[in-house]
PDB file of N, CA and C in Angstrom:
ATOM      1  N   MET A   1      -5.863   3.362  23.163  1.00  0.00           N
ATOM      2  CA  MET A   1      -4.883   4.299  22.540  1.00  0.00           C
ATOM      3  C   MET A   1      -4.247   3.450  21.348  1.00  0.00           C
ATOM      4  N   LEU A   2      -4.154   2.206  21.318  1.00  0.00           N
ATOM      5  CA  LEU A   2      -3.611   1.492  20.202  1.00  0.00           C
ATOM      6  C   LEU A   2      -4.454   1.824  19.014  1.00  0.00           C
ATOM      7  N   LEU A   3      -5.794   1.889  19.123  1.00  0.00           N
ATOM      8  CA  LEU A   3      -6.602   2.096  17.959  1.00  0.00           C
ATOM      9  C   LEU A   3      -6.280   3.385  17.258  1.00  0.00           C
ATOM     10  N   VAL A   4      -5.896   4.417  18.135  1.00  0.00           N
ATOM     11  CA  VAL A   4      -5.647   5.680  17.544  1.00  0.00           C
ATOM     12  C   VAL A   4      -4.270   5.797  16.708  1.00  0.00           C
ATOM     13  N   TYR A   5      -3.282   4.860  17.204  1.00  0.00           N
ATOM     14  CA  TYR A   5      -1.946   4.582  16.491  1.00  0.00           C
ATOM     15  C   TYR A   5      -2.360   3.897  15.165  1.00  0.00           C
ATOM     16  N   ALA A   6      -3.005   2.987  15.309  1.00  0.00           N
ATOM     17  CA  ALA A   6      -3.481   2.111  14.013  1.00  0.00           C
ATOM     18  C   ALA A   6      -4.159   3.045  13.032  1.00  0.00           C
ATOM     19  N   ILE A   7      -5.012   3.886  13.449  1.00  0.00           N
ATOM     20  CA  ILE A   7      -5.717   4.678  12.513  1.00  0.00           C
ATOM     21  C   ILE A   7      -4.766   5.768  11.886  1.00  0.00           C
ATOM     22  N   ILE A   8      -3.893   6.293  12.684  1.00  0.00           N
ATOM     23  CA  ILE A   8      -2.967   7.195  12.191  1.00  0.00           C
ATOM     24  C   ILE A   8      -2.026   6.524  11.278  1.00  0.00           C
ATOM     25  N   PHE A   9      -1.566   5.205  11.554  1.00  0.00           N
ATOM     26  CA  PHE A   9      -0.636   4.490  10.508  1.00  0.00           C
ATOM     27  C   PHE A   9      -1.340   4.243   9.338  1.00  0.00           C
ATOM     28  N   MET A  10      -2.731   3.886   9.275  1.00  0.00           N
ATOM     29  CA  MET A  10      -3.318   3.548   8.124  1.00  0.00           C
ATOM     30  C   MET A  10      -3.499   4.764   7.157  1.00  0.00           C
ATOM     31  N   PHE A  11      -3.885   5.917   7.885  1.00  0.00           N
ATOM     32  CA  PHE A  11      -3.889   7.108   6.992  1.00  0.00           C
ATOM     33  C   PHE A  11      -2.555   7.692   6.487  1.00  0.00           C
ATOM     34  N   LEU A  12      -1.616   7.465   7.225  1.00  0.00           N
ATOM     35  CA  LEU A  12      -0.270   7.749   6.711  1.00  0.00           C
ATOM     36  C   LEU A  12       0.128   6.712   5.635  1.00  0.00           C
ATOM     37  N   ALA A  13      -0.321   5.513   5.683  1.00  0.00           N
ATOM     38  CA  ALA A  13      -0.139   4.700   4.611  1.00  0.00           C
ATOM     39  C   ALA A  13      -0.824   5.061   3.317  1.00  0.00           C
ATOM     40  N   LEU A  14      -2.037   5.569   3.503  1.00  0.00           N
ATOM     41  CA  LEU A  14      -2.938   6.087   2.382  1.00  0.00           C
ATOM     42  C   LEU A  14      -2.035   7.220   1.808  1.00  0.00           C
ATOM     43  N   ALA A  15      -1.743   8.204   2.539  1.00  0.00           N
ATOM     44  CA  ALA A  15      -0.950   9.327   2.166  1.00  0.00           C
ATOM     45  C   ALA A  15       0.236   9.128   1.401  1.00  0.00           C
ATOM     46  N   CYS A  16       1.066   8.352   1.851  1.00  0.00           N
ATOM     47  CA  CYS A  16       2.426   7.847   1.308  1.00  0.00           C
ATOM     48  C   CYS A  16       2.058   7.145  -0.031  1.00  0.00           C
ATOM     49  N   TYR A  17       1.359   6.051  -0.073  1.00  0.00           N
ATOM     50  CA  TYR A  17       1.325   5.111  -1.167  1.00  0.00           C
ATOM     51  C   TYR A  17       0.520   6.008  -2.234  1.00  0.00           C
ATOM     52  N   SER A  18      -0.578   6.791  -1.809  1.00  0.00           N
ATOM     53  CA  SER A  18      -1.180   7.543  -2.900  1.00  0.00           C
ATOM     54  C   SER A  18      -0.395   8.745  -3.413  1.00  0.00           C
ATOM     55  N   THR A  19       0.523   9.214  -2.769  1.00  0.00           N
ATOM     56  CA  THR A  19       1.489  10.112  -3.281  1.00  0.00           C
ATOM     57  C   THR A  19       2.499   9.498  -4.237  1.00  0.00           C
ATOM     58  N   GLY A  20       3.044   8.418  -3.870  1.00  0.00           N
ATOM     59  CA  GLY A  20       3.970   7.697  -4.849  1.00  0.00           C
ATOM     60  C   GLY A  20       3.356   7.268  -6.036  1.00  0.00           C
ATOM     61  N   VAL A  21       2.099   6.710  -5.980  1.00  0.00           N
ATOM     62  CA  VAL A  21       1.407   6.146  -7.044  1.00  0.00           C
ATOM     63  C   VAL A  21       1.052   7.349  -8.044  1.00  0.00           C
ATOM     64  N   TRP A  22       0.370   8.298  -7.442  1.00  0.00           N
ATOM     65  CA  TRP A  22      -0.073   9.486  -8.412  1.00  0.00           C
ATOM     66  C   TRP A  22       1.053  10.283  -8.957  1.00  0.00           C
ATOM     67  N   ALA A  23       2.118  10.432  -8.111  1.00  0.00           N
ATOM     68  CA  ALA A  23       3.284  11.346  -8.600  1.00  0.00           C
ATOM     69  C   ALA A  23       3.937  10.345  -9.757  1.00  0.00           C
ATOM     70  N   GLU A  24       3.993   9.116  -9.642  1.00  0.00           N
ATOM     71  CA  GLU A  24       4.591   8.385 -10.765  1.00  0.00           C
ATOM     72  C   GLU A  24       3.826   8.420 -12.020  1.00  0.00           C
ATOM     73  N   ARG A  25       2.277   8.340 -11.662  1.00  0.00           N
ATOM     74  CA  ARG A  25       1.368   8.292 -12.809  1.00  0.00           C
ATOM     75  C   ARG A  25       1.486   9.617 -13.587  1.00  0.00           C
ATOM     76  N   LEU A  26       1.437  10.766 -12.957  1.00  0.00           N
ATOM     77  CA  LEU A  26       1.581  12.077 -13.583  1.00  0.00           C
ATOM     78  C   LEU A  26       2.776  12.461 -14.191  1.00  0.00           C
ATOM     79  N   SER A  27       3.856  11.995 -13.635  1.00  0.00           N
ATOM     80  CA  SER A  27       5.258  11.980 -14.259  1.00  0.00           C
ATOM     81  C   SER A  27       5.524  10.998 -15.394  1.00  0.00           C
ATOM     82  N   ARG A  28       4.702   9.961 -15.433  1.00  0.00           N
ATOM     83  CA  ARG A  28       4.840   8.962 -16.414  1.00  0.00           C
ATOM     84  C   ARG A  28       6.204   8.414 -16.570  1.00  0.00           C
ATOM     85  N   ARG A  29       6.821   8.459 -15.399  1.00  0.00           N
ATOM     86  CA  ARG A  29       8.327   7.951 -15.248  1.00  0.00           C
ATOM     87  C   ARG A  29       8.636   7.568 -13.735  1.00  0.00           C
ATOM     88  N   LEU A  30       9.007   6.350 -13.609  1.00  0.00           N
ATOM     89  CA  LEU A  30       9.294   5.814 -12.218  1.00  0.00           C
ATOM     90  C   LEU A  30      10.423   6.386 -11.728  1.00  0.00           C
ATOM     91  N   LYS A  31      10.562   7.029 -10.468  1.00  0.00           N
ATOM     92  CA  LYS A  31      11.640   7.626 -10.043  1.00  0.00           C
ATOM     93  C   LYS A  31      11.981   7.167  -8.767  1.00  0.00           C
ATOM     94  N   PRO A  32      13.266   7.157  -8.159  1.00  0.00           N
ATOM     95  CA  PRO A  32      13.714   6.676  -7.009  1.00  0.00           C
ATOM     96  C   PRO A  32      12.808   7.347  -5.736  1.00  0.00           C
ATOM     97  N   TRP A  33      12.457   8.570  -5.863  1.00  0.00           N
ATOM     98  CA  TRP A  33      11.726   9.042  -4.598  1.00  0.00           C
ATOM     99  C   TRP A  33      10.321   8.563  -4.495  1.00  0.00           C
ATOM    100  N   HIS A  34       9.848   7.848  -5.757  1.00  0.00           N
ATOM    101  CA  HIS A  34       8.562   7.256  -5.836  1.00  0.00           C
ATOM    102  C   HIS A  34       8.609   5.909  -4.892  1.00  0.00           C
ATOM    103  N   LEU A  35       9.687   5.278  -5.230  1.00  0.00           N
ATOM    104  CA  LEU A  35      10.105   4.111  -4.407  1.00  0.00           C
ATOM    105  C   LEU A  35      10.084   4.340  -2.882  1.00  0.00           C
ATOM    106  N   ALA A  36      10.639   5.351  -2.532  1.00  0.00           N
ATOM    107  CA  ALA A  36      10.636   5.748  -1.077  1.00  0.00           C
ATOM    108  C   ALA A  36       9.170   5.838  -0.428  1.00  0.00           C
ATOM    109  N   PHE A  37       8.326   6.344  -1.304  1.00  0.00           N
ATOM    110  CA  PHE A  37       6.963   6.492  -0.867  1.00  0.00           C
ATOM    111  C   PHE A  37       6.305   5.171  -0.788  1.00  0.00           C
ATOM    112  N   PHE A  38       6.584   4.255  -1.758  1.00  0.00           N
ATOM    113  CA  PHE A  38       6.024   2.893  -1.636  1.00  0.00           C
ATOM    114  C   PHE A  38       6.439   2.214  -0.488  1.00  0.00           C
ATOM    115  N   TRP A  39       7.783   2.289  -0.263  1.00  0.00           N
ATOM    116  CA  TRP A  39       8.270   1.359   0.993  1.00  0.00           C
ATOM    117  C   TRP A  39       7.748   2.046   2.206  1.00  0.00           C
ATOM    118  N   THR A  40       7.565   3.308   2.365  1.00  0.00           N
ATOM    119  CA  THR A  40       7.063   4.034   3.480  1.00  0.00           C
ATOM    120  C   THR A  40       5.504   3.685   3.669  1.00  0.00           C
ATOM    121  N   GLY A  41       4.851   3.629   2.645  1.00  0.00           N
ATOM    122  CA  GLY A  41       3.565   3.456   2.716  1.00  0.00           C
ATOM    123  C   GLY A  41       3.287   1.998   3.114  1.00  0.00           C
ATOM    124  N   LEU A  42       4.057   1.093   2.659  1.00  0.00           N
ATOM    125  CA  LEU A  42       3.925  -0.355   2.984  1.00  0.00           C
ATOM    126  C   LEU A  42       4.344  -0.400   4.420  1.00  0.00           C
ATOM    127  N   THR A  43       5.289   0.233   4.953  1.00  0.00           N
ATOM    128  CA  THR A  43       5.738   0.173   6.444  1.00  0.00           C
ATOM    129  C   THR A  43       4.547   0.691   7.352  1.00  0.00           C
ATOM    130  N   PHE A  44       3.969   1.806   6.820  1.00  0.00           N
ATOM    131  CA  PHE A  44       2.818   2.297   7.681  1.00  0.00           C
ATOM    132  C   PHE A  44       1.696   1.346   7.598  1.00  0.00           C
ATOM    133  N   ASP A  45       1.471   0.789   6.413  1.00  0.00           N
ATOM    134  CA  ASP A  45       0.297  -0.133   6.392  1.00  0.00           C
ATOM    135  C   ASP A  45       0.543  -1.333   7.220  1.00  0.00           C
ATOM    136  N   THR A  46       1.604  -1.997   7.198  1.00  0.00           N
ATOM    137  CA  THR A  46       1.994  -3.149   7.968  1.00  0.00           C
ATOM    138  C   THR A  46       1.968  -2.950   9.526  1.00  0.00           C
ATOM    139  N   SER A  47       2.312  -1.688   9.824  1.00  0.00           N
ATOM    140  CA  SER A  47       2.297  -1.307  11.268  1.00  0.00           C
ATOM    141  C   SER A  47       0.843  -1.039  11.861  1.00  0.00           C
ATOM    142  N   GLY A  48       0.039  -0.453  11.053  1.00  0.00           N
ATOM    143  CA  GLY A  48      -1.373  -0.385  11.299  1.00  0.00           C
ATOM    144  C   GLY A  48      -2.145  -1.558  11.345  1.00  0.00           C
ATOM    145  N   THR A  49      -1.818  -2.413  10.349  1.00  0.00           N
ATOM    146  CA  THR A  49      -2.422  -3.713  10.283  1.00  0.00           C
ATOM    147  C   THR A  49      -2.034  -4.654  11.420  1.00  0.00           C
ATOM    148  N   THR A  50      -0.830  -4.720  11.727  1.00  0.00           N
ATOM    149  CA  THR A  50      -0.327  -5.355  13.035  1.00  0.00           C
ATOM    150  C   THR A  50      -1.131  -4.963  14.252  1.00  0.00           C
ATOM    151  N   ILE A  51      -1.232  -3.593  14.400  1.00  0.00           N
ATOM    152  CA  ILE A  51      -1.848  -3.094  15.609  1.00  0.00           C
ATOM    153  C   ILE A  51      -3.239  -3.592  15.651  1.00  0.00           C
ATOM    154  N   MET A  52      -3.817  -3.502  14.547  1.00  0.00           N
ATOM    155  CA  MET A  52      -5.260  -3.785  14.394  1.00  0.00           C
ATOM    156  C   MET A  52      -5.604  -5.250  14.583  1.00  0.00           C
ATOM    157  N   SER A  53      -4.689  -6.189  14.224  1.00  0.00           N
ATOM    158  CA  SER A  53      -4.675  -7.452  14.399  1.00  0.00           C
ATOM    159  C   SER A  53      -4.685  -7.866  15.924  1.00  0.00           C
ATOM    160  N   ILE A  54      -3.691  -7.066  16.608  1.00  0.00           N
ATOM    161  CA  ILE A  54      -3.662  -7.364  18.073  1.00  0.00           C
ATOM    162  C   ILE A  54      -4.833  -6.912  18.862  1.00  0.00           C
ATOM    163  N   ILE A  55      -5.584  -5.766  18.316  1.00  0.00           N
ATOM    164  CA  ILE A  55      -6.834  -5.123  18.853  1.00  0.00           C
ATOM    165  C   ILE A  55      -7.878  -6.097  18.784  1.00  0.00           C
ATOM    166  N   SER A  56      -8.007  -6.661  17.528  1.00  0.00           N
ATOM    167  CA  SER A  56      -9.215  -7.696  17.192  1.00  0.00           C
ATOM    168  C   SER A  56      -8.829  -9.140  17.557  1.00  0.00           C
ATOM    169  N   ASN A  57      -7.728  -9.460  18.207  1.00  0.00           N
ATOM    170  CA  ASN A  57      -7.308 -10.777  18.532  1.00  0.00           C
ATOM    171  C   ASN A  57      -7.058 -11.637  17.415  1.00  0.00           C
ATOM    172  N   GLY A  58      -6.560 -11.162  16.215  1.00  0.00           N
ATOM    173  CA  GLY A  58      -6.032 -11.915  15.267  1.00  0.00           C
ATOM    174  C   GLY A  58      -6.782 -11.745  13.844  1.00  0.00           C
ATOM    175  N   PHE A  59      -6.515 -12.491  13.058  1.00  0.00           N
ATOM    176  CA  PHE A  59      -7.022 -12.455  11.600  1.00  0.00           C
ATOM    177  C   PHE A  59      -8.323 -12.967  11.383  1.00  0.00           C
ATOM    178  N   ARG A  60      -9.242 -12.191  10.637  1.00  0.00           N
ATOM    179  CA  ARG A  60     -10.561 -12.555  10.428  1.00  0.00           C
ATOM    180  C   ARG A  60     -10.613 -12.949   8.976  1.00  0.00           C
ATOM    181  N   ALA A  61     -11.264 -14.154   8.641  1.00  0.00           N
ATOM    182  CA  ALA A  61     -11.305 -14.402   7.347  1.00  0.00           C
ATOM    183  C   ALA A  61     -12.568 -13.932   6.553  1.00  0.00           C
ATOM    184  N   ASP A  62     -12.801 -12.525   6.672  1.00  0.00           N
ATOM    185  CA  ASP A  62     -13.853 -11.935   5.998  1.00  0.00           C
ATOM    186  C   ASP A  62     -13.239 -11.090   4.858  1.00  0.00           C
ATOM    187  N   ILE A  63     -14.186 -10.365   4.067  1.00  0.00           N
ATOM    188  CA  ILE A  63     -13.771  -9.700   3.009  1.00  0.00           C
ATOM    189  C   ILE A  63     -12.574  -8.619   3.234  1.00  0.00           C
ATOM    190  N   HIS A  64     -12.570  -7.975   4.422  1.00  0.00           N
ATOM    191  CA  HIS A  64     -11.580  -7.089   4.827  1.00  0.00           C
ATOM    192  C   HIS A  64     -10.339  -7.936   5.055  1.00  0.00           C
ATOM    193  N   GLY A  65     -10.230  -9.038   5.859  1.00  0.00           N
ATOM    194  CA  GLY A  65      -9.160  -9.757   6.117  1.00  0.00           C
ATOM    195  C   GLY A  65      -8.458 -10.348   4.841  1.00  0.00           C
ATOM    196  N   ILE A  66      -9.360 -10.850   4.115  1.00  0.00           N
ATOM    197  CA  ILE A  66      -8.788 -11.599   2.945  1.00  0.00           C
ATOM    198  C   ILE A  66      -8.110 -10.675   1.797  1.00  0.00           C
ATOM    199  N   THR A  67      -8.951  -9.399   1.756  1.00  0.00           N
ATOM    200  CA  THR A  67      -8.429  -8.580   0.631  1.00  0.00           C
ATOM    201  C   THR A  67      -7.177  -7.721   1.262  1.00  0.00           C
ATOM    202  N   GLY A  68      -7.024  -7.730   2.562  1.00  0.00           N
ATOM    203  CA  GLY A  68      -5.984  -7.064   3.346  1.00  0.00           C
ATOM    204  C   GLY A  68      -4.689  -7.862   3.025  1.00  0.00           C
ATOM    205  N   ILE A  69      -4.755  -9.159   3.271  1.00  0.00           N
ATOM    206  CA  ILE A  69      -3.779 -10.087   2.964  1.00  0.00           C
ATOM    207  C   ILE A  69      -3.277  -9.936   1.484  1.00  0.00           C
ATOM    208  N   ILE A  70      -4.080  -9.985   0.616  1.00  0.00           N
ATOM    209  CA  ILE A  70      -3.799  -9.792  -0.830  1.00  0.00           C
ATOM    210  C   ILE A  70      -3.159  -8.533  -1.149  1.00  0.00           C
ATOM    211  N   ALA A  71      -3.668  -7.364  -0.592  1.00  0.00           N
ATOM    212  CA  ALA A  71      -3.107  -6.072  -0.749  1.00  0.00           C
ATOM    213  C   ALA A  71      -1.665  -6.018  -0.227  1.00  0.00           C
ATOM    214  N   ILE A  72      -1.479  -6.404   0.992  1.00  0.00           N
ATOM    215  CA  ILE A  72      -0.097  -6.335   1.547  1.00  0.00           C
ATOM    216  C   ILE A  72       0.920  -7.241   0.701  1.00  0.00           C
ATOM    217  N   LEU A  73       0.522  -8.430   0.162  1.00  0.00           N
ATOM    218  CA  LEU A  73       1.353  -9.105  -0.631  1.00  0.00           C
ATOM    219  C   LEU A  73       1.637  -8.387  -1.937  1.00  0.00           C
ATOM    220  N   LEU A  74       0.554  -7.846  -2.500  1.00  0.00           N
ATOM    221  CA  LEU A  74       0.678  -6.993  -3.727  1.00  0.00           C
ATOM    222  C   LEU A  74       1.745  -5.750  -3.367  1.00  0.00           C
ATOM    223  N   MET A  75       1.622  -5.184  -2.384  1.00  0.00           N
ATOM    224  CA  MET A  75       2.419  -4.043  -2.013  1.00  0.00           C
ATOM    225  C   MET A  75       3.839  -4.385  -1.877  1.00  0.00           C
ATOM    226  N   ILE A  76       4.070  -5.579  -1.268  1.00  0.00           N
ATOM    227  CA  ILE A  76       5.459  -6.036  -1.193  1.00  0.00           C
ATOM    228  C   ILE A  76       5.986  -6.479  -2.481  1.00  0.00           C
ATOM    229  N   PHE A  77       5.385  -7.140  -3.248  1.00  0.00           N
ATOM    230  CA  PHE A  77       5.747  -7.541  -4.652  1.00  0.00           C
ATOM    231  C   PHE A  77       6.095  -6.202  -5.471  1.00  0.00           C
ATOM    232  N   HIS A  78       5.152  -5.241  -5.371  1.00  0.00           N
ATOM    233  CA  HIS A  78       5.263  -3.980  -6.049  1.00  0.00           C
ATOM    234  C   HIS A  78       6.426  -3.205  -5.710  1.00  0.00           C
ATOM    235  N   ALA A  79       6.707  -3.062  -4.339  1.00  0.00           N
ATOM    236  CA  ALA A  79       8.017  -2.383  -3.850  1.00  0.00           C
ATOM    237  C   ALA A  79       9.217  -3.105  -4.389  1.00  0.00           C
ATOM    238  N   LEU A  80       9.262  -4.518  -4.232  1.00  0.00           N
ATOM    239  CA  LEU A  80      10.400  -5.317  -4.715  1.00  0.00           C
ATOM    240  C   LEU A  80      10.718  -5.065  -6.160  1.00  0.00           C
ATOM    241  N   TRP A  81       9.645  -5.232  -6.930  1.00  0.00           N
ATOM    242  CA  TRP A  81       9.730  -5.110  -8.302  1.00  0.00           C
ATOM    243  C   TRP A  81      10.310  -3.627  -8.723  1.00  0.00           C
ATOM    244  N   VAL A  82       9.604  -2.591  -8.175  1.00  0.00           N
ATOM    245  CA  VAL A  82      10.096  -1.145  -8.539  1.00  0.00           C
ATOM    246  C   VAL A  82      11.562  -1.061  -8.110  1.00  0.00           C
ATOM    247  N   THR A  83      12.005  -1.813  -7.000  1.00  0.00           N
ATOM    248  CA  THR A  83      13.394  -1.649  -6.550  1.00  0.00           C
ATOM    249  C   THR A  83      14.435  -2.313  -7.819  1.00  0.00           C
ATOM    250  N   ILE A  84      13.979  -3.417  -8.177  1.00  0.00           N
ATOM    251  CA  ILE A  84      14.634  -3.998  -9.259  1.00  0.00           C
ATOM    252  C   ILE A  84      14.635  -3.451 -10.648  1.00  0.00           C
ATOM    253  N   VAL A  85      13.456  -2.796 -10.846  1.00  0.00           N
ATOM    254  CA  VAL A  85      13.456  -1.997 -12.189  1.00  0.00           C
ATOM    255  C   VAL A  85      14.311  -0.774 -12.189  1.00  0.00           C
ATOM    256  N   LEU A  86      14.381  -0.157 -11.121  1.00  0.00           N
ATOM    257  CA  LEU A  86      15.240   0.934 -10.900  1.00  0.00           C
ATOM    258  C   LEU A  86      16.648   0.725 -10.877  1.00  0.00           C
ATOM    259  N   GLU A  87      17.042  -0.390 -10.163  1.00  0.00           N
ATOM    260  CA  GLU A  87      18.407  -0.896 -10.200  1.00  0.00           C
ATOM    261  C   GLU A  87      18.809  -1.198 -11.556  1.00  0.00           C
ATOM    262  N   LYS A  88      18.041  -1.881 -12.242  1.00  0.00           N
ATOM    263  CA  LYS A  88      18.424  -2.369 -13.690  1.00  0.00           C
ATOM    264  C   LYS A  88      18.309  -1.185 -14.654  1.00  0.00           C
ATOM    265  N   ARG A  89      17.663  -0.103 -14.231  1.00  0.00           N
ATOM    266  CA  ARG A  89      17.539   0.991 -15.213  1.00  0.00           C
ATOM    267  C   ARG A  89      16.860   0.561 -16.541  1.00  0.00           C
ATOM    268  N   ASP A  90      15.784  -0.218 -16.362  1.00  0.00           N
ATOM    269  CA  ASP A  90      15.070  -0.732 -17.576  1.00  0.00           C
ATOM    270  C   ASP A  90      14.072   0.336 -18.054  1.00  0.00           C
ATOM    271  N   GLU A  91      14.404   1.064 -19.053  1.00  0.00           N
ATOM    272  CA  GLU A  91      13.727   2.293 -19.679  1.00  0.00           C
ATOM    273  C   GLU A  91      12.291   2.058 -19.933  1.00  0.00           C
ATOM    274  N   LYS A  92      12.079   0.732 -20.582  1.00  0.00           N
ATOM    275  CA  LYS A  92      10.614   0.589 -21.006  1.00  0.00           C
ATOM    276  C   LYS A  92       9.789   0.341 -19.758  1.00  0.00           C
ATOM    277  N   LEU A  93      10.340  -0.373 -18.750  1.00  0.00           N
ATOM    278  CA  LEU A  93       9.508  -0.555 -17.529  1.00  0.00           C
ATOM    279  C   LEU A  93       9.298   0.631 -16.678  1.00  0.00           C
ATOM    280  N   ILE A  94      10.359   1.603 -16.593  1.00  0.00           N
ATOM    281  CA  ILE A  94      10.316   2.715 -16.031  1.00  0.00           C
ATOM    282  C   ILE A  94       9.331   3.654 -16.475  1.00  0.00           C
ATOM    283  N   THR A  95       9.128   3.652 -17.812  1.00  0.00           N
ATOM    284  CA  THR A  95       7.882   4.530 -18.435  1.00  0.00           C
ATOM    285  C   THR A  95       6.589   3.902 -18.404  1.00  0.00           C
ATOM    286  N   LYS A  96       6.549   2.522 -18.168  1.00  0.00           N
ATOM    287  CA  LYS A  96       5.197   1.774 -18.263  1.00  0.00           C
ATOM    288  C   LYS A  96       4.741   1.299 -16.877  1.00  0.00           C
ATOM    289  N   PHE A  97       5.577   1.609 -15.839  1.00  0.00           N
ATOM    290  CA  PHE A  97       5.249   0.909 -14.549  1.00  0.00           C
ATOM    291  C   PHE A  97       4.020   1.540 -13.821  1.00  0.00           C
ATOM    292  N   HIS A  98       3.673   2.638 -14.172  1.00  0.00           N
ATOM    293  CA  HIS A  98       2.496   3.386 -13.424  1.00  0.00           C
ATOM    294  C   HIS A  98       1.316   2.669 -13.519  1.00  0.00           C
ATOM    295  N   ASN A  99       1.093   1.685 -14.824  1.00  0.00           N
ATOM    296  CA  ASN A  99      -0.104   0.977 -14.851  1.00  0.00           C
ATOM    297  C   ASN A  99      -0.325  -0.091 -13.842  1.00  0.00           C
ATOM    298  N   PHE A 100       0.868  -0.708 -13.539  1.00  0.00           N
ATOM    299  CA  PHE A 100       0.724  -1.704 -12.441  1.00  0.00           C
ATOM    300  C   PHE A 100       0.654  -1.055 -11.055  1.00  0.00           C
ATOM    301  N   SER A 101       1.269   0.114 -10.905  1.00  0.00           N
ATOM    302  CA  SER A 101       1.271   0.845  -9.573  1.00  0.00           C
ATOM    303  C   SER A 101      -0.317   1.250  -9.271  1.00  0.00           C
ATOM    304  N   ILE A 102      -1.073   1.693 -10.396  1.00  0.00           N
ATOM    305  CA  ILE A 102      -2.285   2.076 -10.239  1.00  0.00           C
ATOM    306  C   ILE A 102      -3.277   0.869  -9.766  1.00  0.00           C
ATOM    307  N   PHE A 103      -3.031  -0.310 -10.470  1.00  0.00           N
ATOM    308  CA  PHE A 103      -3.683  -1.513 -10.055  1.00  0.00           C
ATOM    309  C   PHE A 103      -3.429  -1.915  -8.673  1.00  0.00           C
ATOM    310  N   VAL A 104      -2.362  -1.957  -8.083  1.00  0.00           N
ATOM    311  CA  VAL A 104      -1.925  -2.235  -6.857  1.00  0.00           C
ATOM    312  C   VAL A 104      -2.565  -1.391  -5.843  1.00  0.00           C
ATOM    313  N   TRP A 105      -2.538  -0.068  -6.123  1.00  0.00           N
ATOM    314  CA  TRP A 105      -3.257   1.040  -5.326  1.00  0.00           C
ATOM    315  C   TRP A 105      -4.680   0.791  -5.249  1.00  0.00           C
ATOM    316  N   LEU A 106      -5.330   0.478  -6.317  1.00  0.00           N
ATOM    317  CA  LEU A 106      -6.798   0.228  -6.286  1.00  0.00           C
ATOM    318  C   LEU A 106      -7.065  -1.088  -5.354  1.00  0.00           C
ATOM    319  N   MET A 107      -6.400  -2.146  -5.510  1.00  0.00           N
ATOM    320  CA  MET A 107      -6.491  -3.253  -4.772  1.00  0.00           C
ATOM    321  C   MET A 107      -6.313  -3.005  -3.270  1.00  0.00           C
ATOM    322  N   TRP A 108      -5.363  -2.107  -2.976  1.00  0.00           N
ATOM    323  CA  TRP A 108      -5.189  -1.707  -1.617  1.00  0.00           C
ATOM    324  C   TRP A 108      -6.285  -0.946  -1.070  1.00  0.00           C
ATOM    325  N   LEU A 109      -6.981  -0.154  -1.772  1.00  0.00           N
ATOM    326  CA  LEU A 109      -8.148   0.797  -1.391  1.00  0.00           C
ATOM    327  C   LEU A 109      -9.320  -0.253  -0.956  1.00  0.00           C
ATOM    328  N   ILE A 110      -9.429  -1.434  -1.470  1.00  0.00           N
ATOM    329  CA  ILE A 110     -10.525  -2.257  -1.154  1.00  0.00           C
ATOM    330  C   ILE A 110     -10.454  -2.547   0.420  1.00  0.00           C
ATOM    331  N   PRO A 111      -9.471  -3.106   0.955  1.00  0.00           N
ATOM    332  CA  PRO A 111      -9.468  -3.347   2.416  1.00  0.00           C
ATOM    333  C   PRO A 111      -9.324  -1.992   3.201  1.00  0.00           C
ATOM    334  N   PHE A 112      -8.730  -1.007   2.795  1.00  0.00           N
ATOM    335  CA  PHE A 112      -8.699   0.321   3.403  1.00  0.00           C
ATOM    336  C   PHE A 112     -10.184   0.647   3.669  1.00  0.00           C
ATOM    337  N   PHE A 113     -11.055   0.691   2.640  1.00  0.00           N
ATOM    338  CA  PHE A 113     -12.347   1.201   2.653  1.00  0.00           C
ATOM    339  C   PHE A 113     -13.297   0.230   3.524  1.00  0.00           C
ATOM    340  N   THR A 114     -13.091  -1.009   3.242  1.00  0.00           N
ATOM    341  CA  THR A 114     -13.859  -2.105   3.890  1.00  0.00           C
ATOM    342  C   THR A 114     -13.576  -1.922   5.365  1.00  0.00           C
ATOM    343  N   GLY A 115     -12.340  -1.794   5.753  1.00  0.00           N
ATOM    344  CA  GLY A 115     -12.028  -1.591   7.276  1.00  0.00           C
ATOM    345  C   GLY A 115     -12.684  -0.397   7.837  1.00  0.00           C
ATOM    346  N   VAL A 116     -12.733   0.716   7.034  1.00  0.00           N
ATOM    347  CA  VAL A 116     -13.405   1.942   7.618  1.00  0.00           C
ATOM    348  C   VAL A 116     -14.900   1.667   7.714  1.00  0.00           C
ATOM    349  N   PHE A 117     -15.497   1.057   6.666  1.00  0.00           N
ATOM    350  CA  PHE A 117     -17.051   0.990   6.599  1.00  0.00           C
ATOM    351  C   PHE A 117     -17.576  -0.102   7.548  1.00  0.00           C
ATOM    352  N   LEU A 118     -16.766  -1.258   7.716  1.00  0.00           N
ATOM    353  CA  LEU A 118     -17.254  -2.300   8.495  1.00  0.00           C
ATOM    354  C   LEU A 118     -17.045  -1.945  10.035  1.00  0.00           C
ATOM    355  N   ASN A 119     -16.102  -1.052  10.415  1.00  0.00           N
ATOM    356  CA  ASN A 119     -15.962  -0.631  11.756  1.00  0.00           C
ATOM    357  C   ASN A 119     -16.832   0.535  12.183  1.00  0.00           C
ATOM    358  N   MET A 120     -17.569   1.009  11.212  1.00  0.00           N
ATOM    359  CA  MET A 120     -18.443   2.175  11.485  1.00  0.00           C
ATOM    360  C   MET A 120     -19.789   1.576  11.831  1.00  0.00           C
ATOM    361  N   ILE A 121     -20.119   0.363  11.459  1.00  0.00           N
ATOM    362  CA  ILE A 121     -21.450  -0.254  11.859  1.00  0.00           C
ATOM    363  C   ILE A 121     -21.433  -0.754  13.260  1.00  0.00           C
TER     364      ILE A 121
END
């Protein structure tokens, strides 16, 4: 049953993070509701990752594990930086931030898809 929860959390993370990133990209302006989707996606990702670590008896230093750690760290940095940019009302960053968001999202997709494919084998 834990695996079902982990899968649900990971797909909710994908849905939330993708919504935040692409809504920001399309509007070309960072908005507070994008931030809510970033934090929610990070929360679902961390929950799913934690459950999967429990199921697999810990961290594995393979492509999935290493890129997963990098992705979570990038997502944390991203969410914190968005929070600061919005609080400071930095207009230049508010209108240019989507470039970094796309980069973080693409980096996050690597462990997402390697996790899917490695566990199908």
